[in-house]
Amino acid sequence: MFLGVLGVSMKDRASQKAAFDRMLALVPDVKEGSTLTFAYLPGKGTTLSAGSKELGVFEGKGFADAVFAIWLGPKPPSEDLKKGLPG
């Protein structure tokens, strides 16, 4: 799993892996034109939404950091993905 690459400590990997597994189970089949949103709010956690429907909330800033690093970190899964992001 990529959590070690993202700098997640050994201590936190088991809980982060469980949270990632839960998140992946909630992700629907996203079709062209659909939106999948991750939003982090301190004190609440990271909310995963598809369109306007909230799918789940994941506690901890560490989870948010790991999720956002997938797309916004120095080594995204692909250059095409990074190029397609706004900003």
PDB file of N, CA and C in Angstrom:
ATOM      1  N   MET A   1       0.846  -1.188   0.000  1.00  0.00           N
ATOM      2  CA  MET A   1       0.000   0.000   0.000  1.00  0.00           C
ATOM      3  C   MET A   1       0.881   1.238   0.000  1.00  0.00           C
ATOM      4  N   PHE A   2       0.353   2.351  -0.475  1.00  0.00           N
ATOM      5  CA  PHE A   2       1.130   3.562  -0.651  1.00  0.00           C
ATOM      6  C   PHE A   2       1.244   4.421   0.600  1.00  0.00           C
ATOM      7  N   LEU A   3       0.689   4.022   1.737  1.00  0.00           N
ATOM      8  CA  LEU A   3       0.728   4.852   2.941  1.00  0.00           C
ATOM      9  C   LEU A   3       2.149   5.115   3.406  1.00  0.00           C
ATOM     10  N   GLY A   4       3.032   4.148   3.285  1.00  0.00           N
ATOM     11  CA  GLY A   4       4.428   4.355   3.666  1.00  0.00           C
ATOM     12  C   GLY A   4       5.086   5.405   2.798  1.00  0.00           C
ATOM     13  N   VAL A   5       4.768   5.391   1.519  1.00  0.00           N
ATOM     14  CA  VAL A   5       5.309   6.380   0.595  1.00  0.00           C
ATOM     15  C   VAL A   5       4.836   7.776   0.974  1.00  0.00           C
ATOM     16  N   LEU A   6       3.637   7.880   1.528  1.00  0.00           N
ATOM     17  CA  LEU A   6       3.074   9.176   1.900  1.00  0.00           C
ATOM     18  C   LEU A   6       3.552   9.651   3.259  1.00  0.00           C
ATOM     19  N   GLY A   7       4.425   8.894   3.901  1.00  0.00           N
ATOM     20  CA  GLY A   7       4.979   9.319   5.165  1.00  0.00           C
ATOM     21  C   GLY A   7       4.126   8.966   6.371  1.00  0.00           C
ATOM     22  N   VAL A   8       3.223   8.027   6.225  1.00  0.00           N
ATOM     23  CA  VAL A   8       2.384   7.593   7.346  1.00  0.00           C
ATOM     24  C   VAL A   8       3.215   6.645   8.202  1.00  0.00           C
ATOM     25  N   SER A   9       3.277   6.911   9.498  1.00  0.00           N
ATOM     26  CA  SER A   9       4.084   6.092  10.398  1.00  0.00           C
ATOM     27  C   SER A   9       3.532   4.674  10.494  1.00  0.00           C
ATOM     28  N   MET A  10       4.386   3.758  10.895  1.00  0.00           N
ATOM     29  CA  MET A  10       3.964   2.358  11.057  1.00  0.00           C
ATOM     30  C   MET A  10       2.797   2.264  12.037  1.00  0.00           C
ATOM     31  N   LYS A  11       2.851   3.069  13.079  1.00  0.00           N
ATOM     32  CA  LYS A  11       1.806   3.048  14.106  1.00  0.00           C
ATOM     33  C   LYS A  11       0.433   3.388  13.529  1.00  0.00           C
ATOM     34  N   ASP A  12       0.409   4.327  12.599  1.00  0.00           N
ATOM     35  CA  ASP A  12      -0.865   4.795  12.057  1.00  0.00           C
ATOM     36  C   ASP A  12      -1.338   4.018  10.830  1.00  0.00           C
ATOM     37  N   ARG A  13      -0.481   3.189  10.272  1.00  0.00           N
ATOM     38  CA  ARG A  13      -0.840   2.511   9.017  1.00  0.00           C
ATOM     39  C   ARG A  13      -2.063   1.614   9.123  1.00  0.00           C
ATOM     40  N   ALA A  14      -2.191   0.867  10.190  1.00  0.00           N
ATOM     41  CA  ALA A  14      -3.333  -0.048  10.308  1.00  0.00           C
ATOM     42  C   ALA A  14      -4.644   0.718  10.333  1.00  0.00           C
ATOM     43  N   SER A  15      -4.714   1.784  11.107  1.00  0.00           N
ATOM     44  CA  SER A  15      -5.959   2.550  11.172  1.00  0.00           C
ATOM     45  C   SER A  15      -6.202   3.297   9.865  1.00  0.00           C
ATOM     46  N   GLN A  16      -5.132   3.810   9.255  1.00  0.00           N
ATOM     47  CA  GLN A  16      -5.291   4.505   7.979  1.00  0.00           C
ATOM     48  C   GLN A  16      -5.731   3.525   6.887  1.00  0.00           C
ATOM     49  N   LYS A  17      -5.164   2.316   6.896  1.00  0.00           N
ATOM     50  CA  LYS A  17      -5.553   1.323   5.893  1.00  0.00           C
ATOM     51  C   LYS A  17      -7.024   0.973   6.037  1.00  0.00           C
ATOM     52  N   ALA A  18      -7.482   0.812   7.262  1.00  0.00           N
ATOM     53  CA  ALA A  18      -8.903   0.509   7.482  1.00  0.00           C
ATOM     54  C   ALA A  18      -9.775   1.655   6.967  1.00  0.00           C
ATOM     55  N   ALA A  19      -9.349   2.890   7.217  1.00  0.00           N
ATOM     56  CA  ALA A  19     -10.117   4.052   6.745  1.00  0.00           C
ATOM     57  C   ALA A  19     -10.104   4.111   5.219  1.00  0.00           C
ATOM     58  N   PHE A  20      -8.943   3.846   4.597  1.00  0.00           N
ATOM     59  CA  PHE A  20      -8.873   3.846   3.133  1.00  0.00           C
ATOM     60  C   PHE A  20      -9.749   2.746   2.549  1.00  0.00           C
ATOM     61  N   ASP A  21      -9.718   1.567   3.151  1.00  0.00           N
ATOM     62  CA  ASP A  21     -10.559   0.473   2.669  1.00  0.00           C
ATOM     63  C   ASP A  21     -12.031   0.854   2.750  1.00  0.00           C
ATOM     64  N   ARG A  22     -12.427   1.485   3.857  1.00  0.00           N
ATOM     65  CA  ARG A  22     -13.809   1.943   4.015  1.00  0.00           C
ATOM     66  C   ARG A  22     -14.152   2.988   2.961  1.00  0.00           C
ATOM     67  N   MET A  23     -13.223   3.930   2.730  1.00  0.00           N
ATOM     68  CA  MET A  23     -13.449   4.972   1.732  1.00  0.00           C
ATOM     69  C   MET A  23     -13.627   4.353   0.343  1.00  0.00           C
ATOM     70  N   LEU A  24     -12.729   3.446  -0.019  1.00  0.00           N
ATOM     71  CA  LEU A  24     -12.809   2.828  -1.346  1.00  0.00           C
ATOM     72  C   LEU A  24     -14.113   2.063  -1.538  1.00  0.00           C
ATOM     73  N   ALA A  25     -14.613   1.457  -0.466  1.00  0.00           N
ATOM     74  CA  ALA A  25     -15.882   0.729  -0.554  1.00  0.00           C
ATOM     75  C   ALA A  25     -17.054   1.674  -0.800  1.00  0.00           C
ATOM     76  N   LEU A  26     -16.906   2.940  -0.404  1.00  0.00           N
ATOM     77  CA  LEU A  26     -17.985   3.920  -0.571  1.00  0.00           C
ATOM     78  C   LEU A  26     -17.971   4.632  -1.917  1.00  0.00           C
ATOM     79  N   VAL A  27     -16.828   4.586  -2.615  1.00  0.00           N
ATOM     80  CA  VAL A  27     -16.702   5.322  -3.872  1.00  0.00           C
ATOM     81  C   VAL A  27     -17.571   4.660  -4.936  1.00  0.00           C
ATOM     82  N   PRO A  28     -18.518   5.428  -5.485  1.00  0.00           N
ATOM     83  CA  PRO A  28     -19.379   4.878  -6.530  1.00  0.00           C
ATOM     84  C   PRO A  28     -18.663   4.883  -7.877  1.00  0.00           C
ATOM     85  N   ASP A  29     -19.297   4.310  -8.867  1.00  0.00           N
ATOM     86  CA  ASP A  29     -18.802   4.365 -10.236  1.00  0.00           C
ATOM     87  C   ASP A  29     -19.017   5.801 -10.719  1.00  0.00           C
ATOM     88  N   VAL A  30     -17.934   6.542 -10.870  1.00  0.00           N
ATOM     89  CA  VAL A  30     -18.037   7.950 -11.261  1.00  0.00           C
ATOM     90  C   VAL A  30     -17.985   8.040 -12.775  1.00  0.00           C
ATOM     91  N   LYS A  31     -19.049   8.554 -13.331  1.00  0.00           N
ATOM     92  CA  LYS A  31     -19.151   8.681 -14.778  1.00  0.00           C
ATOM     93  C   LYS A  31     -18.722  10.077 -15.212  1.00  0.00           C
ATOM     94  N   GLU A  32     -18.397  10.230 -16.482  1.00  0.00           N
ATOM     95  CA  GLU A  32     -17.991  11.523 -17.009  1.00  0.00           C
ATOM     96  C   GLU A  32     -19.059  12.571 -16.684  1.00  0.00           C
ATOM     97  N   GLY A  33     -18.610  13.704 -16.180  1.00  0.00           N
ATOM     98  CA  GLY A  33     -19.529  14.775 -15.795  1.00  0.00           C
ATOM     99  C   GLY A  33     -19.941  14.715 -14.334  1.00  0.00           C
ATOM    100  N   SER A  34     -19.649  13.597 -13.664  1.00  0.00           N
ATOM    101  CA  SER A  34     -19.959  13.459 -12.243  1.00  0.00           C
ATOM    102  C   SER A  34     -18.826  14.055 -11.417  1.00  0.00           C
ATOM    103  N   THR A  35     -19.119  14.353 -10.164  1.00  0.00           N
ATOM    104  CA  THR A  35     -18.077  14.874  -9.294  1.00  0.00           C
ATOM    105  C   THR A  35     -17.937  14.006  -8.049  1.00  0.00           C
ATOM    106  N   LEU A  36     -16.711  13.874  -7.618  1.00  0.00           N
ATOM    107  CA  LEU A  36     -16.367  13.189  -6.380  1.00  0.00           C
ATOM    108  C   LEU A  36     -15.554  14.214  -5.597  1.00  0.00           C
ATOM    109  N   THR A  37     -15.999  14.539  -4.390  1.00  0.00           N
ATOM    110  CA  THR A  37     -15.383  15.621  -3.622  1.00  0.00           C
ATOM    111  C   THR A  37     -14.884  15.129  -2.276  1.00  0.00           C
ATOM    112  N   PHE A  38     -13.670  15.563  -1.928  1.00  0.00           N
ATOM    113  CA  PHE A  38     -13.108  15.354  -0.607  1.00  0.00           C
ATOM    114  C   PHE A  38     -12.942  16.734   0.016  1.00  0.00           C
ATOM    115  N   ALA A  39     -13.485  16.923   1.201  1.00  0.00           N
ATOM    116  CA  ALA A  39     -13.358  18.202   1.900  1.00  0.00           C
ATOM    117  C   ALA A  39     -12.961  17.942   3.344  1.00  0.00           C
ATOM    118  N   TYR A  40     -11.895  18.611   3.781  1.00  0.00           N
ATOM    119  CA  TYR A  40     -11.436  18.452   5.162  1.00  0.00           C
ATOM    120  C   TYR A  40     -11.878  19.644   5.990  1.00  0.00           C
ATOM    121  N   LEU A  41     -12.486  19.365   7.145  1.00  0.00           N
ATOM    122  CA  LEU A  41     -12.891  20.394   8.096  1.00  0.00           C
ATOM    123  C   LEU A  41     -12.331  20.004   9.456  1.00  0.00           C
ATOM    124  N   PRO A  42     -11.390  20.822   9.999  1.00  0.00           N
ATOM    125  CA  PRO A  42     -10.831  20.506  11.314  1.00  0.00           C
ATOM    126  C   PRO A  42     -11.939  20.293  12.345  1.00  0.00           C
ATOM    127  N   GLY A  43     -11.777  19.277  13.158  1.00  0.00           N
ATOM    128  CA  GLY A  43     -12.776  18.962  14.173  1.00  0.00           C
ATOM    129  C   GLY A  43     -13.871  18.037  13.671  1.00  0.00           C
ATOM    130  N   LYS A  44     -14.035  17.939  12.354  1.00  0.00           N
ATOM    131  CA  LYS A  44     -15.034  17.038  11.773  1.00  0.00           C
ATOM    132  C   LYS A  44     -14.355  15.880  11.057  1.00  0.00           C
ATOM    133  N   GLY A  45     -13.424  16.195  10.175  1.00  0.00           N
ATOM    134  CA  GLY A  45     -12.730  15.177   9.404  1.00  0.00           C
ATOM    135  C   GLY A  45     -12.874  15.421   7.921  1.00  0.00           C
ATOM    136  N   THR A  46     -12.598  14.390   7.149  1.00  0.00           N
ATOM    137  CA  THR A  46     -12.661  14.466   5.696  1.00  0.00           C
ATOM    138  C   THR A  46     -13.991  13.882   5.236  1.00  0.00           C
ATOM    139  N   THR A  47     -14.756  14.697   4.529  1.00  0.00           N
ATOM    140  CA  THR A  47     -16.046  14.258   4.009  1.00  0.00           C
ATOM    141  C   THR A  47     -15.881  13.864   2.553  1.00  0.00           C
ATOM    142  N   LEU A  48     -16.395  12.696   2.202  1.00  0.00           N
ATOM    143  CA  LEU A  48     -16.414  12.220   0.828  1.00  0.00           C
ATOM    144  C   LEU A  48     -17.836  12.385   0.323  1.00  0.00           C
ATOM    145  N   SER A  49     -17.975  13.069  -0.817  1.00  0.00           N
ATOM    146  CA  SER A  49     -19.302  13.281  -1.419  1.00  0.00           C
ATOM    147  C   SER A  49     -19.260  12.932  -2.892  1.00  0.00           C
ATOM    148  N   ALA A  50     -20.383  12.435  -3.396  1.00  0.00           N
ATOM    149  CA  ALA A  50     -20.575  12.201  -4.821  1.00  0.00           C
ATOM    150  C   ALA A  50     -21.726  13.114  -5.225  1.00  0.00           C
ATOM    151  N   GLY A  51     -21.427  14.106  -6.071  1.00  0.00           N
ATOM    152  CA  GLY A  51     -22.433  15.118  -6.364  1.00  0.00           C
ATOM    153  C   GLY A  51     -22.765  15.840  -5.073  1.00  0.00           C
ATOM    154  N   SER A  52     -24.031  15.916  -4.736  1.00  0.00           N
ATOM    155  CA  SER A  52     -24.442  16.587  -3.495  1.00  0.00           C
ATOM    156  C   SER A  52     -24.705  15.597  -2.356  1.00  0.00           C
ATOM    157  N   LYS A  53     -24.456  14.311  -2.590  1.00  0.00           N
ATOM    158  CA  LYS A  53     -24.719  13.285  -1.583  1.00  0.00           C
ATOM    159  C   LYS A  53     -23.463  12.968  -0.765  1.00  0.00           C
ATOM    160  N   GLU A  54     -23.552  13.156   0.560  1.00  0.00           N
ATOM    161  CA  GLU A  54     -22.444  12.817   1.446  1.00  0.00           C
ATOM    162  C   GLU A  54     -22.398  11.301   1.617  1.00  0.00           C
ATOM    163  N   LEU A  55     -21.223  10.724   1.351  1.00  0.00           N
ATOM    164  CA  LEU A  55     -21.065   9.274   1.429  1.00  0.00           C
ATOM    165  C   LEU A  55     -20.446   8.807   2.734  1.00  0.00           C
ATOM    166  N   GLY A  56     -19.596   9.642   3.330  1.00  0.00           N
ATOM    167  CA  GLY A  56     -18.938   9.245   4.564  1.00  0.00           C
ATOM    168  C   GLY A  56     -18.014  10.320   5.085  1.00  0.00           C
ATOM    169  N   VAL A  57     -17.683  10.220   6.368  1.00  0.00           N
ATOM    170  CA  VAL A  57     -16.756  11.147   7.018  1.00  0.00           C
ATOM    171  C   VAL A  57     -15.664  10.323   7.679  1.00  0.00           C
ATOM    172  N   PHE A  58     -14.424  10.761   7.529  1.00  0.00           N
ATOM    173  CA  PHE A  58     -13.256  10.055   8.032  1.00  0.00           C
ATOM    174  C   PHE A  58     -12.497  10.978   8.971  1.00  0.00           C
ATOM    175  N   GLU A  59     -12.306  10.537  10.208  1.00  0.00           N
ATOM    176  CA  GLU A  59     -11.683  11.367  11.233  1.00  0.00           C
ATOM    177  C   GLU A  59     -10.183  11.497  11.033  1.00  0.00           C
ATOM    178  N   GLY A  60      -9.655  12.600  11.536  1.00  0.00           N
ATOM    179  CA  GLY A  60      -8.215  12.807  11.618  1.00  0.00           C
ATOM    180  C   GLY A  60      -7.611  13.548  10.457  1.00  0.00           C
ATOM    181  N   LYS A  61      -6.695  14.447  10.800  1.00  0.00           N
ATOM    182  CA  LYS A  61      -5.985  15.204   9.775  1.00  0.00           C
ATOM    183  C   LYS A  61      -5.057  14.298   8.980  1.00  0.00           C
ATOM    184  N   GLY A  62      -4.526  13.255   9.619  1.00  0.00           N
ATOM    185  CA  GLY A  62      -3.645  12.328   8.920  1.00  0.00           C
ATOM    186  C   GLY A  62      -4.317  11.683   7.723  1.00  0.00           C
ATOM    187  N   PHE A  63      -5.595  11.360   7.871  1.00  0.00           N
ATOM    188  CA  PHE A  63      -6.336  10.774   6.751  1.00  0.00           C
ATOM    189  C   PHE A  63      -6.446  11.792   5.621  1.00  0.00           C
ATOM    190  N   ALA A  64      -6.793  13.025   5.963  1.00  0.00           N
ATOM    191  CA  ALA A  64      -6.908  14.085   4.951  1.00  0.00           C
ATOM    192  C   ALA A  64      -5.575  14.282   4.238  1.00  0.00           C
ATOM    193  N   ASP A  65      -4.499  14.351   5.008  1.00  0.00           N
ATOM    194  CA  ASP A  65      -3.177  14.536   4.408  1.00  0.00           C
ATOM    195  C   ASP A  65      -2.859  13.422   3.422  1.00  0.00           C
ATOM    196  N   ALA A  66      -3.152  12.193   3.801  1.00  0.00           N
ATOM    197  CA  ALA A  66      -2.867  11.047   2.933  1.00  0.00           C
ATOM    198  C   ALA A  66      -3.721  11.078   1.676  1.00  0.00           C
ATOM    199  N   VAL A  67      -5.006  11.388   1.811  1.00  0.00           N
ATOM    200  CA  VAL A  67      -5.896  11.432   0.644  1.00  0.00           C
ATOM    201  C   VAL A  67      -5.472  12.544  -0.308  1.00  0.00           C
ATOM    202  N   PHE A  68      -5.236  13.734   0.227  1.00  0.00           N
ATOM    203  CA  PHE A  68      -4.884  14.854  -0.638  1.00  0.00           C
ATOM    204  C   PHE A  68      -3.511  14.671  -1.274  1.00  0.00           C
ATOM    205  N   ALA A  69      -2.609  13.970  -0.607  1.00  0.00           N
ATOM    206  CA  ALA A  69      -1.285  13.729  -1.173  1.00  0.00           C
ATOM    207  C   ALA A  69      -1.347  12.857  -2.425  1.00  0.00           C
ATOM    208  N   ILE A  70      -2.395  12.057  -2.542  1.00  0.00           N
ATOM    209  CA  ILE A  70      -2.557  11.226  -3.741  1.00  0.00           C
ATOM    210  C   ILE A  70      -2.586  12.107  -4.979  1.00  0.00           C
ATOM    211  N   TRP A  71      -3.330  13.201  -4.904  1.00  0.00           N
ATOM    212  CA  TRP A  71      -3.490  14.092  -6.059  1.00  0.00           C
ATOM    213  C   TRP A  71      -2.577  15.306  -6.010  1.00  0.00           C
ATOM    214  N   LEU A  72      -2.322  15.820  -4.827  1.00  0.00           N
ATOM    215  CA  LEU A  72      -1.611  17.081  -4.694  1.00  0.00           C
ATOM    216  C   LEU A  72      -0.169  16.927  -4.234  1.00  0.00           C
ATOM    217  N   GLY A  73       0.240  15.720  -3.927  1.00  0.00           N
ATOM    218  CA  GLY A  73       1.594  15.474  -3.454  1.00  0.00           C
ATOM    219  C   GLY A  73       2.611  15.574  -4.581  1.00  0.00           C
ATOM    220  N   PRO A  74       3.886  15.455  -4.243  1.00  0.00           N
ATOM    221  CA  PRO A  74       4.939  15.595  -5.242  1.00  0.00           C
ATOM    222  C   PRO A  74       4.987  14.460  -6.261  1.00  0.00           C
ATOM    223  N   LYS A  75       4.386  13.313  -5.924  1.00  0.00           N
ATOM    224  CA  LYS A  75       4.410  12.173  -6.839  1.00  0.00           C
ATOM    225  C   LYS A  75       2.992  11.655  -7.064  1.00  0.00           C
ATOM    226  N   PRO A  76       2.209  12.330  -7.936  1.00  0.00           N
ATOM    227  CA  PRO A  76       0.855  11.858  -8.208  1.00  0.00           C
ATOM    228  C   PRO A  76       0.907  10.537  -8.970  1.00  0.00           C
ATOM    229  N   PRO A  77      -0.207   9.797  -8.977  1.00  0.00           N
ATOM    230  CA  PRO A  77      -0.216   8.509  -9.675  1.00  0.00           C
ATOM    231  C   PRO A  77       0.141   8.638 -11.153  1.00  0.00           C
ATOM    232  N   SER A  78      -0.197   9.782 -11.772  1.00  0.00           N
ATOM    233  CA  SER A  78       0.157  10.001 -13.172  1.00  0.00           C
ATOM    234  C   SER A  78       0.262  11.501 -13.434  1.00  0.00           C
ATOM    235  N   GLU A  79       1.069  11.869 -14.407  1.00  0.00           N
ATOM    236  CA  GLU A  79       1.195  13.275 -14.771  1.00  0.00           C
ATOM    237  C   GLU A  79      -0.115  13.804 -15.355  1.00  0.00           C
ATOM    238  N   ASP A  80      -0.840  12.963 -16.099  1.00  0.00           N
ATOM    239  CA  ASP A  80      -2.119  13.380 -16.672  1.00  0.00           C
ATOM    240  C   ASP A  80      -3.090  13.796 -15.584  1.00  0.00           C
ATOM    241  N   LEU A  81      -3.097  13.050 -14.484  1.00  0.00           N
ATOM    242  CA  LEU A  81      -3.977  13.386 -13.372  1.00  0.00           C
ATOM    243  C   LEU A  81      -3.596  14.746 -12.809  1.00  0.00           C
ATOM    244  N   LYS A  82      -2.323  14.966 -12.581  1.00  0.00           N
ATOM    245  CA  LYS A  82      -1.857  16.242 -12.021  1.00  0.00           C
ATOM    246  C   LYS A  82      -2.170  17.392 -12.967  1.00  0.00           C
ATOM    247  N   LYS A  83      -1.975  17.183 -14.267  1.00  0.00           N
ATOM    248  CA  LYS A  83      -2.242  18.229 -15.268  1.00  0.00           C
ATOM    249  C   LYS A  83      -3.717  18.580 -15.326  1.00  0.00           C
ATOM    250  N   GLY A  84      -4.595  17.614 -15.027  1.00  0.00           N
ATOM    251  CA  GLY A  84      -6.034  17.835 -15.107  1.00  0.00           C
ATOM    252  C   GLY A  84      -6.618  18.569 -13.916  1.00  0.00           C
ATOM    253  N   LEU A  85      -5.799  18.813 -12.891  1.00  0.00           N
ATOM    254  CA  LEU A  85      -6.298  19.511 -11.703  1.00  0.00           C
ATOM    255  C   LEU A  85      -6.292  21.011 -11.916  1.00  0.00           C
ATOM    256  N   PRO A  86      -7.285  21.702 -11.363  1.00  0.00           N
ATOM    257  CA  PRO A  86      -7.274  23.156 -11.471  1.00  0.00           C
ATOM    258  C   PRO A  86      -6.130  23.732 -10.647  1.00  0.00           C
ATOM    259  N   GLY A  87      -5.650  24.906 -11.072  1.00  0.00           N
ATOM    260  CA  GLY A  87      -4.636  25.600 -10.269  1.00  0.00           C
ATOM    261  C   GLY A  87      -3.281  25.470 -10.726  1.00  0.00           C
TER     262      GLY A  87
END
